[in-house]
Amino acid sequence: MNLDSLLKQAKKVQEQMNKITEELATKEVEASSGGAMVIVRANGKNEITKITLDQEVFSLGDKQMLEDLLLAAVNEALNRAKDLSAEAFKKVSGGLNIPGLQL
């Protein structure tokens, strides 16, 4: 494989990665905690896009519980977003674990 061919292939991979990054920004995952009293949505770029709190969570009057529910739902949403991103980039890498390839 010559250098020109290698550079063309690298450019193609970069274009695919850019396309996947754009697509991930539009895809969302959801996680909940406390029997869906807290629902968190995140996009494929690992950004929290929405947090929904059931009115019941406020009537309980337990600040620590609300904080724990939020933390659990946010962490799960971010884990799901990370998995979504990893799966998308696996297509470009051919399943190889290439450091720095994933978001």
N, C-alpha and C. Protein backbone atom coordinates (compact mmCIF):
# COMPACT_ATOMS: atom_id res chain seq x y z
N MET A 1 0.85 -1.17 0.00
CA MET A 1 0.00 0.00 0.00
C MET A 1 0.90 1.24 0.00
N ASN A 2 0.69 2.14 -0.93
CA ASN A 2 1.52 3.33 -1.01
C ASN A 2 0.95 4.45 -0.12
N LEU A 3 1.74 5.47 0.06
CA LEU A 3 1.36 6.57 0.95
C LEU A 3 0.10 7.27 0.48
N ASP A 4 -0.04 7.49 -0.82
CA ASP A 4 -1.23 8.16 -1.37
C ASP A 4 -2.50 7.37 -1.04
N SER A 5 -2.42 6.08 -1.22
CA SER A 5 -3.57 5.22 -0.93
C SER A 5 -3.90 5.25 0.56
N LEU A 6 -2.88 5.24 1.38
CA LEU A 6 -3.08 5.29 2.83
C LEU A 6 -3.72 6.60 3.26
N LEU A 7 -3.29 7.69 2.67
CA LEU A 7 -3.87 9.00 2.99
C LEU A 7 -5.33 9.09 2.55
N LYS A 8 -5.64 8.52 1.39
CA LYS A 8 -7.03 8.51 0.92
C LYS A 8 -7.91 7.69 1.86
N GLN A 9 -7.38 6.57 2.31
CA GLN A 9 -8.14 5.73 3.23
C GLN A 9 -8.34 6.44 4.57
N ALA A 10 -7.32 7.12 5.05
CA ALA A 10 -7.42 7.87 6.31
C ALA A 10 -8.46 8.98 6.18
N LYS A 11 -8.48 9.64 5.03
CA LYS A 11 -9.46 10.71 4.81
C LYS A 11 -10.88 10.14 4.80
N LYS A 12 -11.04 8.98 4.19
CA LYS A 12 -12.35 8.34 4.15
C LYS A 12 -12.82 7.98 5.55
N VAL A 13 -11.92 7.44 6.36
CA VAL A 13 -12.26 7.09 7.75
C VAL A 13 -12.63 8.34 8.52
N GLN A 14 -11.89 9.43 8.32
CA GLN A 14 -12.19 10.69 9.01
C GLN A 14 -13.57 11.20 8.61
N GLU A 15 -13.92 11.11 7.34
CA GLU A 15 -15.24 11.53 6.88
C GLU A 15 -16.34 10.68 7.52
N GLN A 16 -16.09 9.38 7.62
CA GLN A 16 -17.06 8.49 8.26
C GLN A 16 -17.23 8.85 9.73
N MET A 17 -16.12 9.14 10.39
CA MET A 17 -16.18 9.52 11.81
C MET A 17 -16.96 10.82 11.99
N ASN A 18 -16.74 11.78 11.12
CA ASN A 18 -17.47 13.05 11.20
C ASN A 18 -18.97 12.82 11.01
N LYS A 19 -19.31 11.96 10.06
CA LYS A 19 -20.72 11.66 9.81
C LYS A 19 -21.35 10.99 11.03
N ILE A 20 -20.64 10.04 11.63
CA ILE A 20 -21.15 9.35 12.81
C ILE A 20 -21.33 10.34 13.96
N THR A 21 -20.37 11.24 14.14
CA THR A 21 -20.47 12.25 15.20
C THR A 21 -21.71 13.11 15.02
N GLU A 22 -21.99 13.51 13.79
CA GLU A 22 -23.19 14.31 13.51
C GLU A 22 -24.46 13.50 13.81
N GLU A 23 -24.47 12.24 13.42
CA GLU A 23 -25.63 11.39 13.67
C GLU A 23 -25.84 11.16 15.16
N LEU A 24 -24.75 10.98 15.90
CA LEU A 24 -24.85 10.74 17.34
C LEU A 24 -25.48 11.94 18.07
N ALA A 25 -25.25 13.13 17.55
CA ALA A 25 -25.83 14.32 18.18
C ALA A 25 -27.35 14.30 18.11
N THR A 26 -27.92 13.56 17.17
CA THR A 26 -29.37 13.52 17.01
C THR A 26 -30.01 12.30 17.67
N LYS A 27 -29.20 11.34 18.10
CA LYS A 27 -29.74 10.13 18.73
C LYS A 27 -29.75 10.31 20.24
N GLU A 28 -30.81 9.80 20.86
CA GLU A 28 -30.92 9.94 22.31
C GLU A 28 -31.20 8.59 22.97
N VAL A 29 -30.75 8.51 24.20
CA VAL A 29 -31.04 7.36 25.04
C VAL A 29 -31.72 7.88 26.30
N GLU A 30 -32.37 6.99 27.01
CA GLU A 30 -33.12 7.39 28.19
C GLU A 30 -32.84 6.42 29.33
N ALA A 31 -32.79 6.94 30.54
CA ALA A 31 -32.63 6.13 31.74
C ALA A 31 -33.53 6.71 32.81
N SER A 32 -33.97 5.84 33.71
CA SER A 32 -34.83 6.32 34.79
C SER A 32 -34.41 5.68 36.10
N SER A 33 -34.90 6.25 37.18
CA SER A 33 -34.66 5.68 38.50
C SER A 33 -35.88 5.97 39.37
N GLY A 34 -35.97 5.25 40.47
CA GLY A 34 -37.09 5.47 41.38
C GLY A 34 -38.43 5.13 40.76
N GLY A 35 -38.48 4.07 39.98
CA GLY A 35 -39.75 3.73 39.33
C GLY A 35 -40.22 4.80 38.37
N ALA A 36 -39.28 5.40 37.65
CA ALA A 36 -39.52 6.45 36.66
C ALA A 36 -39.92 7.78 37.28
N MET A 37 -39.62 7.97 38.57
CA MET A 37 -39.84 9.29 39.16
C MET A 37 -38.83 10.30 38.60
N VAL A 38 -37.68 9.79 38.18
CA VAL A 38 -36.64 10.62 37.55
C VAL A 38 -36.31 9.98 36.21
N ILE A 39 -36.41 10.77 35.15
CA ILE A 39 -36.08 10.29 33.80
C ILE A 39 -35.07 11.26 33.21
N VAL A 40 -33.98 10.70 32.68
CA VAL A 40 -32.90 11.51 32.10
C VAL A 40 -32.66 11.05 30.67
N ARG A 41 -32.55 12.02 29.78
CA ARG A 41 -32.24 11.73 28.37
C ARG A 41 -30.86 12.32 28.07
N ALA A 42 -30.10 11.57 27.27
CA ALA A 42 -28.77 12.03 26.84
C ALA A 42 -28.62 11.71 25.36
N ASN A 43 -27.82 12.53 24.68
CA ASN A 43 -27.58 12.24 23.27
C ASN A 43 -26.29 11.44 23.11
N GLY A 44 -26.02 11.04 21.88
CA GLY A 44 -24.84 10.23 21.59
C GLY A 44 -23.53 10.96 21.75
N LYS A 45 -23.58 12.24 22.05
CA LYS A 45 -22.36 13.01 22.31
C LYS A 45 -22.12 13.15 23.81
N ASN A 46 -22.83 12.32 24.59
CA ASN A 46 -22.71 12.31 26.05
C ASN A 46 -23.13 13.63 26.69
N GLU A 47 -24.16 14.24 26.13
CA GLU A 47 -24.71 15.46 26.69
C GLU A 47 -26.10 15.16 27.24
N ILE A 48 -26.37 15.60 28.45
CA ILE A 48 -27.70 15.45 29.03
C ILE A 48 -28.60 16.44 28.30
N THR A 49 -29.72 15.94 27.74
CA THR A 49 -30.60 16.81 26.97
C THR A 49 -31.91 17.13 27.69
N LYS A 50 -32.29 16.27 28.65
CA LYS A 50 -33.54 16.53 29.36
C LYS A 50 -33.58 15.74 30.66
N ILE A 51 -34.11 16.37 31.69
CA ILE A 51 -34.37 15.70 32.97
C ILE A 51 -35.83 15.95 33.31
N THR A 52 -36.55 14.87 33.56
CA THR A 52 -37.96 14.96 33.92
C THR A 52 -38.14 14.40 35.33
N LEU A 53 -38.79 15.18 36.19
CA LEU A 53 -39.05 14.75 37.55
C LEU A 53 -40.55 14.63 37.77
N ASP A 54 -40.97 13.48 38.25
CA ASP A 54 -42.37 13.26 38.59
C ASP A 54 -42.71 14.13 39.80
N GLN A 55 -43.90 14.69 39.81
CA GLN A 55 -44.32 15.57 40.91
C GLN A 55 -44.23 14.86 42.25
N GLU A 56 -44.43 13.55 42.25
CA GLU A 56 -44.41 12.77 43.49
C GLU A 56 -43.07 12.86 44.21
N VAL A 57 -41.99 13.00 43.44
CA VAL A 57 -40.67 13.05 44.05
C VAL A 57 -40.52 14.26 44.97
N PHE A 58 -41.25 15.33 44.70
CA PHE A 58 -41.19 16.52 45.55
C PHE A 58 -42.02 16.36 46.82
N SER A 59 -43.09 15.61 46.72
CA SER A 59 -43.97 15.45 47.87
C SER A 59 -43.33 14.56 48.94
N LEU A 60 -42.30 13.81 48.58
CA LEU A 60 -41.64 12.95 49.55
C LEU A 60 -40.77 13.76 50.52
N GLY A 61 -40.33 14.92 50.10
CA GLY A 61 -39.56 15.81 50.97
C GLY A 61 -38.20 15.27 51.37
N ASP A 62 -37.64 14.37 50.61
CA ASP A 62 -36.36 13.77 50.94
C ASP A 62 -35.31 14.22 49.92
N LYS A 63 -34.58 15.26 50.28
CA LYS A 63 -33.58 15.84 49.38
C LYS A 63 -32.51 14.82 49.01
N GLN A 64 -32.02 14.06 49.98
CA GLN A 64 -30.97 13.08 49.72
C GLN A 64 -31.44 12.01 48.73
N MET A 65 -32.69 11.58 48.87
CA MET A 65 -33.22 10.57 47.95
C MET A 65 -33.29 11.14 46.53
N LEU A 66 -33.76 12.37 46.39
CA LEU A 66 -33.83 13.00 45.07
C LEU A 66 -32.45 13.10 44.45
N GLU A 67 -31.47 13.51 45.23
CA GLU A 67 -30.11 13.59 44.72
C GLU A 67 -29.61 12.22 44.26
N ASP A 68 -29.89 11.19 45.04
CA ASP A 68 -29.47 9.83 44.68
C ASP A 68 -30.17 9.36 43.41
N LEU A 69 -31.46 9.64 43.28
CA LEU A 69 -32.21 9.25 42.09
C LEU A 69 -31.67 9.97 40.85
N LEU A 70 -31.39 11.25 40.99
CA LEU A 70 -30.82 12.02 39.88
C LEU A 70 -29.46 11.46 39.47
N LEU A 71 -28.63 11.21 40.45
CA LEU A 71 -27.29 10.68 40.17
C LEU A 71 -27.37 9.34 39.45
N ALA A 72 -28.22 8.46 39.93
CA ALA A 72 -28.37 7.14 39.31
C ALA A 72 -28.86 7.25 37.87
N ALA A 73 -29.86 8.07 37.64
CA ALA A 73 -30.42 8.20 36.29
C ALA A 73 -29.44 8.88 35.34
N VAL A 74 -28.75 9.90 35.80
CA VAL A 74 -27.77 10.59 34.96
C VAL A 74 -26.63 9.64 34.58
N ASN A 75 -26.11 8.92 35.56
CA ASN A 75 -25.02 7.99 35.27
C ASN A 75 -25.45 6.90 34.29
N GLU A 76 -26.64 6.36 34.46
CA GLU A 76 -27.12 5.33 33.55
C GLU A 76 -27.34 5.89 32.15
N ALA A 77 -27.88 7.09 32.05
CA ALA A 77 -28.08 7.71 30.73
C ALA A 77 -26.74 7.94 30.03
N LEU A 78 -25.75 8.41 30.77
CA LEU A 78 -24.43 8.64 30.19
C LEU A 78 -23.76 7.33 29.78
N ASN A 79 -23.96 6.27 30.56
CA ASN A 79 -23.42 4.96 30.19
C ASN A 79 -24.07 4.46 28.91
N ARG A 80 -25.38 4.64 28.79
CA ARG A 80 -26.07 4.22 27.58
C ARG A 80 -25.62 5.03 26.37
N ALA A 81 -25.39 6.33 26.57
CA ALA A 81 -24.91 7.18 25.48
C ALA A 81 -23.51 6.75 25.06
N LYS A 82 -22.69 6.41 26.03
CA LYS A 82 -21.33 5.94 25.73
C LYS A 82 -21.39 4.64 24.94
N ASP A 83 -22.27 3.73 25.33
CA ASP A 83 -22.43 2.46 24.60
C ASP A 83 -22.91 2.71 23.17
N LEU A 84 -23.84 3.66 23.02
CA LEU A 84 -24.34 4.01 21.69
C LEU A 84 -23.21 4.52 20.81
N SER A 85 -22.39 5.38 21.37
CA SER A 85 -21.25 5.95 20.65
C SER A 85 -20.23 4.86 20.30
N ALA A 86 -19.93 4.01 21.26
CA ALA A 86 -18.95 2.95 21.02
C ALA A 86 -19.42 2.01 19.91
N GLU A 87 -20.70 1.68 19.92
CA GLU A 87 -21.25 0.80 18.89
C GLU A 87 -21.17 1.45 17.51
N ALA A 88 -21.45 2.74 17.45
CA ALA A 88 -21.40 3.45 16.17
C ALA A 88 -19.97 3.50 15.63
N PHE A 89 -19.00 3.77 16.49
CA PHE A 89 -17.62 3.88 16.03
C PHE A 89 -16.98 2.52 15.77
N LYS A 90 -17.57 1.47 16.34
CA LYS A 90 -17.06 0.12 16.08
C LYS A 90 -17.17 -0.21 14.59
N LYS A 91 -18.18 0.35 13.95
CA LYS A 91 -18.37 0.11 12.51
C LYS A 91 -17.20 0.68 11.70
N VAL A 92 -16.69 1.83 12.11
CA VAL A 92 -15.58 2.47 11.39
C VAL A 92 -14.28 1.72 11.67
N SER A 93 -14.11 1.27 12.91
CA SER A 93 -12.84 0.64 13.30
C SER A 93 -12.80 -0.84 12.95
N GLY A 94 -13.90 -1.36 12.46
CA GLY A 94 -13.93 -2.79 12.13
C GLY A 94 -13.87 -3.66 13.37
N GLY A 95 -14.29 -3.10 14.50
CA GLY A 95 -14.28 -3.86 15.75
C GLY A 95 -12.97 -3.77 16.51
N LEU A 96 -11.97 -3.11 15.93
CA LEU A 96 -10.70 -2.95 16.61
C LEU A 96 -10.81 -1.90 17.70
N ASN A 97 -10.11 -2.09 18.78
CA ASN A 97 -10.09 -1.11 19.86
C ASN A 97 -8.96 -0.12 19.58
N ILE A 98 -9.30 0.98 18.92
CA ILE A 98 -8.31 1.99 18.56
C ILE A 98 -8.40 3.13 19.55
N PRO A 99 -7.35 3.34 20.36
CA PRO A 99 -7.38 4.42 21.35
C PRO A 99 -7.66 5.77 20.71
N GLY A 100 -8.52 6.53 21.35
CA GLY A 100 -8.83 7.87 20.86
C GLY A 100 -9.88 7.93 19.78
N LEU A 101 -10.35 6.76 19.30
CA LEU A 101 -11.32 6.76 18.21
C LEU A 101 -12.70 7.10 18.72
N GLN A 102 -13.03 6.64 19.92
CA GLN A 102 -14.37 6.86 20.43
C GLN A 102 -14.45 8.21 21.14
N LEU A 103 -15.68 8.75 21.17
CA LEU A 103 -15.90 10.02 21.86
C LEU A 103 -15.81 9.86 23.33
